N, C-alpha and C. Protein backbone atom coordinates (compact mmCIF):
# COMPACT_ATOMS: atom_id res chain seq x y z
N MET A 1 25.68 13.01 3.65
CA MET A 1 25.45 13.51 4.99
C MET A 1 24.70 12.45 5.79
N PRO A 2 25.17 12.09 6.99
CA PRO A 2 24.52 11.08 7.78
C PRO A 2 23.06 11.42 8.02
N GLY A 3 22.21 10.38 7.90
CA GLY A 3 20.79 10.59 8.12
C GLY A 3 20.06 11.12 6.90
N ARG A 4 20.79 11.41 5.81
CA ARG A 4 20.14 11.94 4.62
C ARG A 4 20.60 11.19 3.37
N VAL A 5 20.78 9.91 3.51
CA VAL A 5 21.27 9.09 2.41
C VAL A 5 20.09 8.42 1.72
N PHE A 6 20.10 8.45 0.40
CA PHE A 6 19.07 7.81 -0.40
C PHE A 6 19.71 6.74 -1.29
N PHE A 7 18.87 5.83 -1.76
CA PHE A 7 19.25 4.93 -2.83
C PHE A 7 18.73 5.51 -4.14
N GLU A 8 19.63 5.85 -5.04
CA GLU A 8 19.19 6.13 -6.40
C GLU A 8 18.76 4.81 -7.02
N HIS A 9 17.93 4.87 -8.05
CA HIS A 9 17.37 3.62 -8.57
C HIS A 9 18.47 2.67 -9.07
N TRP A 10 19.46 3.21 -9.73
CA TRP A 10 20.51 2.34 -10.25
C TRP A 10 21.29 1.68 -9.10
N GLU A 11 21.39 2.37 -7.98
CA GLU A 11 22.08 1.80 -6.82
C GLU A 11 21.29 0.64 -6.24
N PHE A 12 19.98 0.82 -6.16
CA PHE A 12 19.13 -0.27 -5.68
C PHE A 12 19.25 -1.49 -6.59
N VAL A 13 19.19 -1.27 -7.90
CA VAL A 13 19.28 -2.38 -8.85
C VAL A 13 20.63 -3.07 -8.74
N ALA A 14 21.70 -2.28 -8.66
CA ALA A 14 23.04 -2.85 -8.55
C ALA A 14 23.18 -3.69 -7.28
N LEU A 15 22.64 -3.18 -6.18
CA LEU A 15 22.73 -3.91 -4.91
C LEU A 15 21.92 -5.20 -4.98
N ARG A 16 20.71 -5.10 -5.45
CA ARG A 16 19.86 -6.29 -5.50
C ARG A 16 20.47 -7.38 -6.38
N ASN A 17 21.14 -6.97 -7.43
CA ASN A 17 21.75 -7.94 -8.34
C ASN A 17 22.84 -8.77 -7.67
N VAL A 18 23.52 -8.20 -6.68
CA VAL A 18 24.63 -8.93 -6.05
C VAL A 18 24.26 -9.54 -4.71
N LEU A 19 23.12 -9.18 -4.17
CA LEU A 19 22.68 -9.77 -2.90
C LEU A 19 22.35 -11.25 -3.09
N PRO A 20 22.56 -12.06 -2.07
CA PRO A 20 22.11 -13.45 -2.15
C PRO A 20 20.59 -13.50 -2.27
N ASP A 21 20.08 -14.57 -2.85
CA ASP A 21 18.66 -14.65 -3.17
C ASP A 21 17.75 -14.46 -1.96
N TYR A 22 18.18 -14.93 -0.80
CA TYR A 22 17.30 -14.88 0.36
C TYR A 22 17.03 -13.45 0.85
N LEU A 23 17.84 -12.48 0.39
CA LEU A 23 17.65 -11.09 0.80
C LEU A 23 16.95 -10.24 -0.26
N LYS A 24 16.88 -10.72 -1.48
CA LYS A 24 16.38 -9.89 -2.57
C LYS A 24 14.91 -9.49 -2.39
N GLY A 25 14.09 -10.40 -1.90
CA GLY A 25 12.68 -10.08 -1.72
C GLY A 25 12.44 -9.01 -0.68
N ALA A 26 13.12 -9.14 0.46
CA ALA A 26 12.96 -8.15 1.53
C ALA A 26 13.44 -6.78 1.10
N VAL A 27 14.53 -6.76 0.34
CA VAL A 27 15.08 -5.49 -0.14
C VAL A 27 14.13 -4.83 -1.13
N THR A 28 13.54 -5.60 -2.01
CA THR A 28 12.58 -5.06 -2.97
C THR A 28 11.37 -4.47 -2.25
N PHE A 29 10.87 -5.18 -1.25
CA PHE A 29 9.74 -4.70 -0.47
C PHE A 29 10.09 -3.40 0.24
N ALA A 30 11.27 -3.34 0.84
CA ALA A 30 11.70 -2.13 1.56
C ALA A 30 11.85 -0.95 0.61
N TYR A 31 12.38 -1.18 -0.57
CA TYR A 31 12.58 -0.10 -1.55
C TYR A 31 11.25 0.47 -2.01
N LYS A 32 10.25 -0.38 -2.14
CA LYS A 32 8.95 0.07 -2.65
C LYS A 32 8.11 0.77 -1.58
N PHE A 33 8.13 0.26 -0.33
CA PHE A 33 7.16 0.71 0.67
C PHE A 33 7.78 1.42 1.87
N GLY A 34 9.07 1.31 2.07
CA GLY A 34 9.72 2.07 3.13
C GLY A 34 9.37 1.63 4.54
N TRP A 35 9.01 0.37 4.70
CA TRP A 35 8.69 -0.11 6.05
C TRP A 35 9.94 -0.25 6.90
N ARG A 36 9.78 -0.22 8.21
CA ARG A 36 10.88 -0.45 9.13
C ARG A 36 11.34 -1.90 9.03
N ILE A 37 12.61 -2.12 9.29
CA ILE A 37 13.17 -3.46 9.10
C ILE A 37 12.48 -4.49 9.98
N GLU A 38 12.11 -4.11 11.22
CA GLU A 38 11.47 -5.08 12.10
C GLU A 38 10.06 -5.41 11.63
N GLU A 39 9.40 -4.49 10.91
CA GLU A 39 8.08 -4.77 10.36
C GLU A 39 8.20 -5.75 9.20
N ILE A 40 9.27 -5.65 8.44
CA ILE A 40 9.48 -6.53 7.29
C ILE A 40 9.91 -7.92 7.75
N THR A 41 10.89 -7.99 8.64
CA THR A 41 11.39 -9.29 9.07
C THR A 41 10.37 -10.02 9.94
N GLY A 42 9.47 -9.29 10.57
CA GLY A 42 8.45 -9.92 11.40
C GLY A 42 7.15 -10.20 10.67
N LEU A 43 7.08 -9.88 9.39
CA LEU A 43 5.84 -10.06 8.63
C LEU A 43 5.51 -11.55 8.51
N THR A 44 4.26 -11.90 8.79
CA THR A 44 3.82 -13.29 8.73
C THR A 44 2.75 -13.47 7.66
N TRP A 45 2.55 -14.72 7.28
CA TRP A 45 1.62 -15.00 6.19
C TRP A 45 0.17 -14.74 6.56
N ASN A 46 -0.16 -14.76 7.84
CA ASN A 46 -1.54 -14.45 8.21
C ASN A 46 -1.85 -12.96 8.07
N GLN A 47 -0.83 -12.15 7.75
CA GLN A 47 -1.02 -10.73 7.48
C GLN A 47 -1.10 -10.44 5.98
N VAL A 48 -1.02 -11.50 5.18
CA VAL A 48 -0.94 -11.36 3.72
C VAL A 48 -2.14 -12.04 3.06
N ASP A 49 -2.77 -11.32 2.14
CA ASP A 49 -3.79 -11.89 1.27
C ASP A 49 -3.19 -11.96 -0.13
N ARG A 50 -2.65 -13.11 -0.48
CA ARG A 50 -1.95 -13.25 -1.75
C ARG A 50 -2.90 -13.10 -2.93
N ARG A 51 -4.11 -13.59 -2.81
CA ARG A 51 -5.06 -13.52 -3.92
C ARG A 51 -5.42 -12.07 -4.24
N GLN A 52 -5.65 -11.26 -3.21
CA GLN A 52 -6.01 -9.86 -3.40
C GLN A 52 -4.79 -8.96 -3.53
N GLY A 53 -3.61 -9.47 -3.17
CA GLY A 53 -2.41 -8.64 -3.21
C GLY A 53 -2.41 -7.57 -2.14
N ILE A 54 -2.79 -7.95 -0.92
CA ILE A 54 -2.91 -7.00 0.19
C ILE A 54 -2.08 -7.48 1.37
N VAL A 55 -1.43 -6.54 2.04
CA VAL A 55 -0.72 -6.82 3.29
C VAL A 55 -1.30 -5.91 4.36
N ARG A 56 -1.60 -6.48 5.52
CA ARG A 56 -2.19 -5.71 6.61
C ARG A 56 -1.36 -5.85 7.87
N LEU A 57 -1.14 -4.74 8.53
CA LEU A 57 -0.58 -4.73 9.88
C LEU A 57 -1.66 -4.21 10.81
N GLU A 58 -1.91 -4.94 11.87
CA GLU A 58 -2.93 -4.54 12.82
C GLU A 58 -2.33 -3.64 13.91
N VAL A 59 -3.19 -3.00 14.66
CA VAL A 59 -2.74 -2.19 15.79
C VAL A 59 -1.92 -3.08 16.72
N GLY A 60 -0.76 -2.62 17.09
CA GLY A 60 0.14 -3.42 17.92
C GLY A 60 1.25 -4.06 17.12
N ASP A 61 1.06 -4.19 15.79
CA ASP A 61 2.11 -4.74 14.93
C ASP A 61 3.06 -3.65 14.45
N THR A 62 2.69 -2.40 14.64
CA THR A 62 3.47 -1.28 14.12
C THR A 62 4.03 -0.43 15.25
N LYS A 63 5.09 0.27 14.95
CA LYS A 63 5.73 1.12 15.94
C LYS A 63 4.82 2.27 16.37
N ASN A 64 4.04 2.78 15.42
CA ASN A 64 3.18 3.93 15.76
C ASN A 64 1.78 3.51 16.23
N ASP A 65 1.58 2.19 16.43
CA ASP A 65 0.32 1.67 16.97
C ASP A 65 -0.90 2.03 16.12
N GLU A 66 -0.68 2.11 14.81
CA GLU A 66 -1.80 2.34 13.89
C GLU A 66 -1.83 1.23 12.87
N ALA A 67 -3.03 0.73 12.57
CA ALA A 67 -3.18 -0.31 11.56
C ALA A 67 -2.77 0.23 10.19
N ARG A 68 -2.34 -0.67 9.34
CA ARG A 68 -1.87 -0.24 8.02
C ARG A 68 -2.24 -1.29 6.98
N THR A 69 -2.68 -0.86 5.84
CA THR A 69 -2.99 -1.75 4.72
C THR A 69 -2.32 -1.22 3.47
N ILE A 70 -1.63 -2.10 2.74
CA ILE A 70 -1.02 -1.70 1.47
C ILE A 70 -1.42 -2.69 0.39
N TYR A 71 -1.42 -2.21 -0.83
CA TYR A 71 -1.71 -3.04 -1.99
C TYR A 71 -0.41 -3.25 -2.77
N LEU A 72 -0.16 -4.48 -3.13
CA LEU A 72 1.09 -4.85 -3.79
C LEU A 72 0.99 -4.65 -5.30
N ASP A 73 2.08 -4.14 -5.90
CA ASP A 73 2.12 -4.08 -7.35
C ASP A 73 2.53 -5.46 -7.89
N GLN A 74 2.58 -5.60 -9.21
CA GLN A 74 2.84 -6.91 -9.81
C GLN A 74 4.23 -7.45 -9.44
N GLU A 75 5.22 -6.57 -9.37
CA GLU A 75 6.56 -7.03 -9.02
C GLU A 75 6.59 -7.62 -7.61
N VAL A 76 5.98 -6.92 -6.66
CA VAL A 76 6.02 -7.39 -5.28
C VAL A 76 5.10 -8.60 -5.09
N LYS A 77 4.02 -8.68 -5.85
CA LYS A 77 3.20 -9.90 -5.82
C LYS A 77 4.05 -11.10 -6.23
N GLY A 78 4.90 -10.89 -7.23
CA GLY A 78 5.81 -11.95 -7.66
C GLY A 78 6.79 -12.33 -6.57
N VAL A 79 7.26 -11.33 -5.82
CA VAL A 79 8.15 -11.59 -4.69
C VAL A 79 7.46 -12.48 -3.67
N PHE A 80 6.21 -12.17 -3.34
CA PHE A 80 5.49 -12.94 -2.34
C PHE A 80 5.17 -14.35 -2.84
N ASP A 81 4.90 -14.50 -4.13
CA ASP A 81 4.67 -15.83 -4.69
C ASP A 81 5.95 -16.67 -4.57
N GLU A 82 7.08 -16.05 -4.82
CA GLU A 82 8.36 -16.75 -4.72
C GLU A 82 8.66 -17.13 -3.27
N GLN A 83 8.38 -16.22 -2.35
CA GLN A 83 8.60 -16.52 -0.93
C GLN A 83 7.69 -17.66 -0.48
N TRP A 84 6.49 -17.71 -1.00
CA TRP A 84 5.56 -18.79 -0.65
C TRP A 84 6.10 -20.13 -1.10
N GLU A 85 6.67 -20.18 -2.29
CA GLU A 85 7.26 -21.42 -2.80
C GLU A 85 8.46 -21.82 -1.95
N LYS A 86 9.28 -20.85 -1.54
CA LYS A 86 10.43 -21.15 -0.68
C LYS A 86 9.97 -21.72 0.65
N ARG A 87 8.87 -21.19 1.15
CA ARG A 87 8.32 -21.68 2.42
C ARG A 87 7.98 -23.16 2.34
N LYS A 88 7.41 -23.56 1.22
CA LYS A 88 7.00 -24.96 1.06
C LYS A 88 8.21 -25.89 0.97
N LEU A 89 9.37 -25.33 0.56
CA LEU A 89 10.58 -26.14 0.44
C LEU A 89 11.42 -26.14 1.72
N ALA A 90 11.04 -25.30 2.67
CA ALA A 90 11.82 -25.18 3.91
C ALA A 90 11.71 -26.45 4.74
N LYS A 91 12.67 -26.60 5.68
CA LYS A 91 12.71 -27.79 6.52
C LYS A 91 11.49 -27.88 7.43
N LYS A 92 10.97 -26.74 7.82
CA LYS A 92 9.74 -26.71 8.62
C LYS A 92 8.86 -25.57 8.15
N LEU A 93 7.56 -25.73 8.32
CA LEU A 93 6.62 -24.72 7.85
C LEU A 93 6.61 -23.55 8.82
N LEU A 94 7.11 -22.42 8.37
CA LEU A 94 7.26 -21.25 9.23
C LEU A 94 6.21 -20.19 8.90
N PRO A 95 5.85 -19.36 9.86
CA PRO A 95 4.83 -18.33 9.61
C PRO A 95 5.37 -17.09 8.92
N TYR A 96 6.69 -16.95 8.84
CA TYR A 96 7.29 -15.70 8.37
C TYR A 96 7.40 -15.66 6.84
N VAL A 97 7.23 -14.45 6.29
CA VAL A 97 7.32 -14.27 4.85
C VAL A 97 8.78 -14.32 4.39
N PHE A 98 9.65 -13.60 5.08
CA PHE A 98 11.05 -13.51 4.66
C PHE A 98 11.92 -14.34 5.59
N LEU A 99 12.55 -15.37 5.00
CA LEU A 99 13.33 -16.33 5.78
C LEU A 99 14.82 -16.08 5.65
N ASN A 100 15.58 -16.66 6.57
CA ASN A 100 17.03 -16.52 6.54
C ASN A 100 17.66 -17.40 5.45
N ARG A 101 18.97 -17.39 5.41
CA ARG A 101 19.68 -18.11 4.35
C ARG A 101 19.35 -19.60 4.35
N ASN A 102 19.19 -20.19 5.54
CA ASN A 102 18.94 -21.62 5.65
C ASN A 102 17.46 -21.99 5.55
N GLY A 103 16.61 -20.97 5.58
CA GLY A 103 15.18 -21.23 5.48
C GLY A 103 14.58 -21.88 6.71
N ASP A 104 15.25 -21.73 7.86
CA ASP A 104 14.77 -22.38 9.07
C ASP A 104 14.35 -21.39 10.16
N ASP A 105 14.30 -20.10 9.81
CA ASP A 105 13.88 -19.08 10.76
C ASP A 105 13.62 -17.80 9.97
N ARG A 106 13.05 -16.81 10.65
CA ARG A 106 12.83 -15.54 9.99
C ARG A 106 14.15 -14.83 9.73
N LEU A 107 14.12 -13.86 8.87
CA LEU A 107 15.29 -13.07 8.55
C LEU A 107 15.71 -12.26 9.77
N LYS A 108 17.01 -12.36 10.12
CA LYS A 108 17.49 -11.64 11.29
C LYS A 108 18.73 -10.82 10.92
N ARG A 109 19.83 -11.08 11.56
CA ARG A 109 21.04 -10.29 11.35
C ARG A 109 21.71 -10.68 10.03
N PHE A 110 22.01 -9.67 9.22
CA PHE A 110 22.68 -9.95 7.95
C PHE A 110 23.64 -8.82 7.58
N TYR A 111 24.18 -8.12 8.57
CA TYR A 111 24.99 -6.93 8.30
C TYR A 111 26.23 -7.26 7.48
N LYS A 112 26.94 -8.34 7.81
CA LYS A 112 28.17 -8.67 7.09
C LYS A 112 27.89 -8.91 5.61
N THR A 113 26.84 -9.66 5.34
CA THR A 113 26.45 -9.92 3.94
C THR A 113 26.02 -8.63 3.27
N TRP A 114 25.27 -7.81 3.98
CA TRP A 114 24.82 -6.52 3.46
C TRP A 114 26.00 -5.63 3.10
N ARG A 115 26.94 -5.49 4.02
CA ARG A 115 28.10 -4.62 3.80
C ARG A 115 28.93 -5.11 2.61
N LYS A 116 29.16 -6.39 2.54
CA LYS A 116 29.93 -6.96 1.44
C LYS A 116 29.23 -6.69 0.10
N SER A 117 27.93 -6.83 0.07
CA SER A 117 27.17 -6.63 -1.17
C SER A 117 27.17 -5.17 -1.59
N CYS A 118 27.06 -4.25 -0.61
CA CYS A 118 27.11 -2.82 -0.92
C CYS A 118 28.44 -2.47 -1.60
N LEU A 119 29.51 -2.98 -1.05
CA LEU A 119 30.83 -2.69 -1.62
C LEU A 119 30.98 -3.32 -2.99
N GLU A 120 30.48 -4.53 -3.14
CA GLU A 120 30.55 -5.20 -4.43
C GLU A 120 29.74 -4.47 -5.49
N ALA A 121 28.64 -3.87 -5.08
CA ALA A 121 27.79 -3.12 -6.01
C ALA A 121 28.38 -1.76 -6.35
N GLY A 122 29.40 -1.33 -5.60
CA GLY A 122 30.05 -0.05 -5.88
C GLY A 122 29.25 1.16 -5.45
N ILE A 123 28.47 1.01 -4.38
CA ILE A 123 27.62 2.13 -3.94
C ILE A 123 28.03 2.65 -2.56
N GLY A 124 29.11 2.12 -2.00
CA GLY A 124 29.45 2.49 -0.63
C GLY A 124 28.54 1.77 0.34
N VAL A 125 28.85 1.86 1.60
CA VAL A 125 28.06 1.13 2.61
C VAL A 125 26.89 2.01 3.07
N LYS A 126 25.71 1.65 2.62
CA LYS A 126 24.50 2.34 3.04
C LYS A 126 23.80 1.51 4.11
N LEU A 127 22.78 2.08 4.72
CA LEU A 127 22.01 1.38 5.73
C LEU A 127 20.70 0.86 5.14
N PHE A 128 20.21 -0.24 5.67
CA PHE A 128 18.91 -0.74 5.25
C PHE A 128 17.84 0.31 5.50
N HIS A 129 18.00 1.06 6.58
CA HIS A 129 17.04 2.10 6.93
C HIS A 129 16.96 3.20 5.88
N ASP A 130 17.99 3.32 5.04
CA ASP A 130 17.97 4.33 3.98
C ASP A 130 16.87 4.07 2.96
N PHE A 131 16.38 2.82 2.90
CA PHE A 131 15.25 2.52 2.02
C PHE A 131 14.00 3.28 2.48
N ARG A 132 13.94 3.58 3.76
CA ARG A 132 12.74 4.23 4.30
C ARG A 132 12.57 5.63 3.72
N ARG A 133 13.61 6.43 3.78
CA ARG A 133 13.51 7.78 3.21
C ARG A 133 13.48 7.73 1.68
N THR A 134 14.13 6.70 1.10
CA THR A 134 14.11 6.56 -0.36
C THR A 134 12.69 6.29 -0.86
N ALA A 135 11.98 5.41 -0.19
CA ALA A 135 10.61 5.09 -0.60
C ALA A 135 9.71 6.31 -0.50
N VAL A 136 9.88 7.08 0.58
CA VAL A 136 9.08 8.29 0.75
C VAL A 136 9.34 9.25 -0.41
N ARG A 137 10.60 9.48 -0.72
CA ARG A 137 10.93 10.41 -1.80
C ARG A 137 10.38 9.92 -3.14
N ASN A 138 10.52 8.62 -3.41
CA ASN A 138 10.04 8.09 -4.68
C ASN A 138 8.53 8.18 -4.80
N MET A 139 7.82 7.93 -3.70
CA MET A 139 6.36 8.02 -3.75
C MET A 139 5.92 9.44 -4.05
N VAL A 140 6.53 10.41 -3.38
CA VAL A 140 6.15 11.81 -3.59
C VAL A 140 6.50 12.25 -5.01
N ARG A 141 7.68 11.86 -5.49
CA ARG A 141 8.08 12.22 -6.85
C ARG A 141 7.16 11.61 -7.89
N SER A 142 6.63 10.43 -7.59
CA SER A 142 5.77 9.77 -8.58
C SER A 142 4.35 10.33 -8.58
N GLY A 143 4.08 11.29 -7.66
CA GLY A 143 2.79 11.95 -7.66
C GLY A 143 1.82 11.44 -6.61
N ILE A 144 2.26 10.51 -5.77
CA ILE A 144 1.39 10.02 -4.70
C ILE A 144 1.21 11.13 -3.67
N PRO A 145 -0.02 11.45 -3.29
CA PRO A 145 -0.23 12.49 -2.27
C PRO A 145 0.54 12.17 -0.99
N GLU A 146 1.06 13.21 -0.35
CA GLU A 146 1.91 13.00 0.81
C GLU A 146 1.18 12.24 1.92
N ARG A 147 -0.10 12.54 2.13
CA ARG A 147 -0.84 11.85 3.18
C ARG A 147 -0.92 10.36 2.90
N VAL A 148 -1.11 9.97 1.64
CA VAL A 148 -1.16 8.56 1.27
C VAL A 148 0.20 7.92 1.47
N ALA A 149 1.26 8.62 1.07
CA ALA A 149 2.62 8.11 1.25
C ALA A 149 2.92 7.87 2.73
N MET A 150 2.43 8.76 3.59
CA MET A 150 2.64 8.60 5.03
C MET A 150 1.95 7.33 5.55
N VAL A 151 0.76 7.05 5.05
CA VAL A 151 0.04 5.85 5.46
C VAL A 151 0.79 4.60 5.01
N ILE A 152 1.28 4.60 3.78
CA ILE A 152 1.99 3.44 3.25
C ILE A 152 3.27 3.17 4.02
N SER A 153 4.04 4.21 4.29
CA SER A 153 5.34 4.03 4.94
C SER A 153 5.22 3.90 6.46
N GLY A 154 4.06 4.32 7.00
CA GLY A 154 3.84 4.19 8.43
C GLY A 154 4.34 5.36 9.25
N HIS A 155 4.41 6.55 8.64
CA HIS A 155 4.80 7.75 9.38
C HIS A 155 3.55 8.36 10.02
N LYS A 156 3.58 8.49 11.32
CA LYS A 156 2.41 8.98 12.04
C LYS A 156 2.36 10.50 12.09
N THR A 157 3.51 11.12 12.23
CA THR A 157 3.55 12.58 12.35
C THR A 157 4.20 13.21 11.14
N ARG A 158 3.74 14.40 10.81
CA ARG A 158 4.24 15.10 9.64
C ARG A 158 5.71 15.50 9.81
N CYS A 159 6.11 15.84 11.03
CA CYS A 159 7.48 16.32 11.23
C CYS A 159 8.48 15.22 10.93
N VAL A 160 8.15 13.97 11.30
CA VAL A 160 9.05 12.85 11.00
C VAL A 160 9.06 12.59 9.50
N PHE A 161 7.88 12.61 8.89
CA PHE A 161 7.78 12.39 7.44
C PHE A 161 8.63 13.42 6.70
N ASP A 162 8.55 14.69 7.11
CA ASP A 162 9.28 15.75 6.43
C ASP A 162 10.79 15.57 6.55
N ARG A 163 11.24 14.92 7.62
CA ARG A 163 12.67 14.68 7.75
C ARG A 163 13.16 13.73 6.66
N TYR A 164 12.28 12.85 6.21
CA TYR A 164 12.65 11.90 5.17
C TYR A 164 12.38 12.46 3.77
N ASN A 165 11.33 13.25 3.64
CA ASN A 165 10.98 13.83 2.36
C ASN A 165 11.83 15.08 2.13
N ILE A 166 13.12 14.84 1.98
CA ILE A 166 14.10 15.92 1.88
C ILE A 166 14.25 16.37 0.43
N VAL A 167 14.26 17.67 0.24
CA VAL A 167 14.46 18.23 -1.10
C VAL A 167 15.95 18.34 -1.37
N ASN A 168 16.38 17.80 -2.51
CA ASN A 168 17.79 17.93 -2.89
C ASN A 168 17.90 18.66 -4.22
N ASP A 169 19.13 18.78 -4.73
CA ASP A 169 19.36 19.53 -5.97
C ASP A 169 18.56 18.96 -7.13
N GLN A 170 18.46 17.62 -7.20
CA GLN A 170 17.73 17.01 -8.30
C GLN A 170 16.26 17.38 -8.24
N ASP A 171 15.69 17.43 -7.04
CA ASP A 171 14.29 17.85 -6.89
C ASP A 171 14.10 19.27 -7.41
N LEU A 172 15.07 20.14 -7.09
CA LEU A 172 14.96 21.54 -7.53
C LEU A 172 15.07 21.65 -9.04
N LYS A 173 15.94 20.85 -9.63
CA LYS A 173 16.07 20.85 -11.09
C LYS A 173 14.77 20.37 -11.75
N LEU A 174 14.19 19.31 -11.18
CA LEU A 174 12.94 18.80 -11.72
C LEU A 174 11.82 19.83 -11.59
N ALA A 175 11.81 20.56 -10.47
CA ALA A 175 10.80 21.59 -10.27
C ALA A 175 10.93 22.68 -11.34
N ALA A 176 12.17 23.09 -11.61
CA ALA A 176 12.39 24.12 -12.62
C ALA A 176 11.93 23.65 -13.99
N GLN A 177 12.23 22.39 -14.31
CA GLN A 177 11.84 21.85 -15.61
C GLN A 177 10.32 21.73 -15.72
N LYS A 178 9.67 21.28 -14.63
CA LYS A 178 8.22 21.15 -14.65
C LYS A 178 7.55 22.51 -14.82
N GLN A 179 8.09 23.53 -14.14
CA GLN A 179 7.52 24.86 -14.29
C GLN A 179 7.70 25.37 -15.71
N SER A 180 8.89 25.15 -16.27
CA SER A 180 9.16 25.57 -17.64
C SER A 180 8.21 24.88 -18.61
N ASP A 181 8.02 23.57 -18.43
CA ASP A 181 7.12 22.81 -19.31
C ASP A 181 5.69 23.35 -19.19
N TYR A 182 5.28 23.67 -17.97
CA TYR A 182 3.93 24.18 -17.77
C TYR A 182 3.74 25.52 -18.46
N LEU A 183 4.69 26.44 -18.29
CA LEU A 183 4.57 27.76 -18.89
C LEU A 183 4.59 27.68 -20.41
N GLN A 184 5.42 26.75 -20.94
CA GLN A 184 5.46 26.59 -22.39
C GLN A 184 4.14 26.03 -22.90
N SER A 185 3.47 25.24 -22.06
CA SER A 185 2.18 24.67 -22.48
C SER A 185 1.12 25.76 -22.62
N LEU A 186 1.36 26.92 -21.99
CA LEU A 186 0.41 28.02 -22.07
C LEU A 186 0.56 28.82 -23.37
N ASP A 187 1.70 28.66 -24.05
CA ASP A 187 1.91 29.38 -25.30
C ASP A 187 0.83 29.00 -26.31
N GLY A 188 0.29 30.00 -26.95
CA GLY A 188 -0.74 29.74 -27.95
C GLY A 188 -2.15 29.74 -27.37
N HIS A 189 -2.25 29.72 -26.04
CA HIS A 189 -3.59 29.80 -25.43
C HIS A 189 -4.05 31.25 -25.38
N ASN A 190 -5.34 31.44 -25.37
CA ASN A 190 -5.91 32.77 -25.27
C ASN A 190 -5.80 33.25 -23.83
N LEU A 191 -4.90 34.17 -23.59
CA LEU A 191 -4.68 34.66 -22.23
C LEU A 191 -5.49 35.91 -21.93
N GLY A 192 -6.40 36.27 -22.79
CA GLY A 192 -7.23 37.43 -22.55
C GLY A 192 -6.90 38.56 -23.51
N THR A 193 -7.62 39.63 -23.42
CA THR A 193 -7.40 40.77 -24.29
C THR A 193 -6.24 41.61 -23.79
N VAL A 194 -5.31 41.90 -24.68
CA VAL A 194 -4.14 42.69 -24.31
C VAL A 194 -4.50 44.17 -24.38
N THR A 195 -4.24 44.88 -23.29
CA THR A 195 -4.60 46.29 -23.21
C THR A 195 -3.35 47.13 -23.00
N LYS A 196 -3.23 48.21 -23.74
CA LYS A 196 -2.10 49.12 -23.60
C LYS A 196 -2.21 49.91 -22.30
N ILE A 197 -1.12 50.00 -21.59
CA ILE A 197 -1.05 50.84 -20.39
C ILE A 197 0.01 51.90 -20.63
N GLY A 198 -0.39 53.15 -20.63
CA GLY A 198 0.56 54.22 -20.90
C GLY A 198 0.71 54.46 -22.38
N THR A 199 1.61 55.35 -22.73
CA THR A 199 1.83 55.72 -24.13
C THR A 199 3.32 55.81 -24.39
N GLY A 200 3.63 55.85 -25.66
CA GLY A 200 5.01 56.06 -26.07
C GLY A 200 5.90 54.89 -25.67
N LYS A 201 7.19 55.20 -25.46
CA LYS A 201 8.18 54.15 -25.21
C LYS A 201 8.00 53.48 -23.86
N HIS A 202 7.20 54.14 -22.99
CA HIS A 202 6.99 53.57 -21.66
C HIS A 202 5.73 52.74 -21.59
N ALA A 203 5.08 52.54 -22.75
CA ALA A 203 3.84 51.79 -22.75
C ALA A 203 4.08 50.35 -22.30
N GLN A 204 3.14 49.80 -21.56
CA GLN A 204 3.19 48.42 -21.09
C GLN A 204 1.93 47.71 -21.56
N THR A 205 1.92 46.42 -21.46
CA THR A 205 0.74 45.66 -21.82
C THR A 205 0.31 44.82 -20.63
N ALA A 206 -0.97 44.57 -20.58
CA ALA A 206 -1.52 43.72 -19.53
C ALA A 206 -2.64 42.91 -20.14
N SER A 207 -2.88 41.73 -19.61
CA SER A 207 -3.96 40.89 -20.13
C SER A 207 -5.10 40.88 -19.13
N ASN A 208 -6.31 40.94 -19.67
CA ASN A 208 -7.51 40.98 -18.83
C ASN A 208 -7.91 39.55 -18.46
C-alpha cells in the first residue's frame, strides 16, 4: 500500500549488497536512524564527533527546527571511518560526509542507480523515504521507548510518528507470542490462595 512500505531486514541487506559502494554508507545510516534524505546528504563533518561517535544537528539544520543528537553504533562508526578515508582520497577536500560517485560533491540525485539496484535485489522498487518508517518500526520493536525513537528520527509530533509506527500482521503475531510467553512464565508461581466459590458442579475458584 502506498505510503506504508517497509524494508524487511533481508530486503535491506539484499539491496545494500548490490548498491555501488558510494551509496552503501548513506543507506546504512538511513536504515538505522530514519533521517530524511536531505539531512543525510547535507550532513557535514563539523556535525560529527568521530572520537565520541556522535552526530549533531543544530536548530535550523532540521526540518522541524529542533536540535538533534544521536550516538552511533559500531557498524555506523565504521561507515563514518570509511567515509573519512574516502574524503582524504577525493580530488578536493569536501565538508560533506556522503559523497557522490566521483567523490567531487555531496550525494545528490541517484534515482536511476537506486531503481536498478532495487530490481536487481529482487525487492521491487521502493523509495529511499521508506527507510524512515522502517527505522521507526525497528526501534520500537527493539524496545526503544517511543519518545526516544521520535528524537532519533526527528519526528516532532506524535501524529506524524504514529503514521510511520504502523502495526501490521507480524506485529500482531509477535504480540500474541509475547503475551503467551509472559503467561507461561507465570506457571508455577504462587498466585495466591485458591478459594471455592459456590458448591457442587457450579463451584468456581478464585485466587486472593
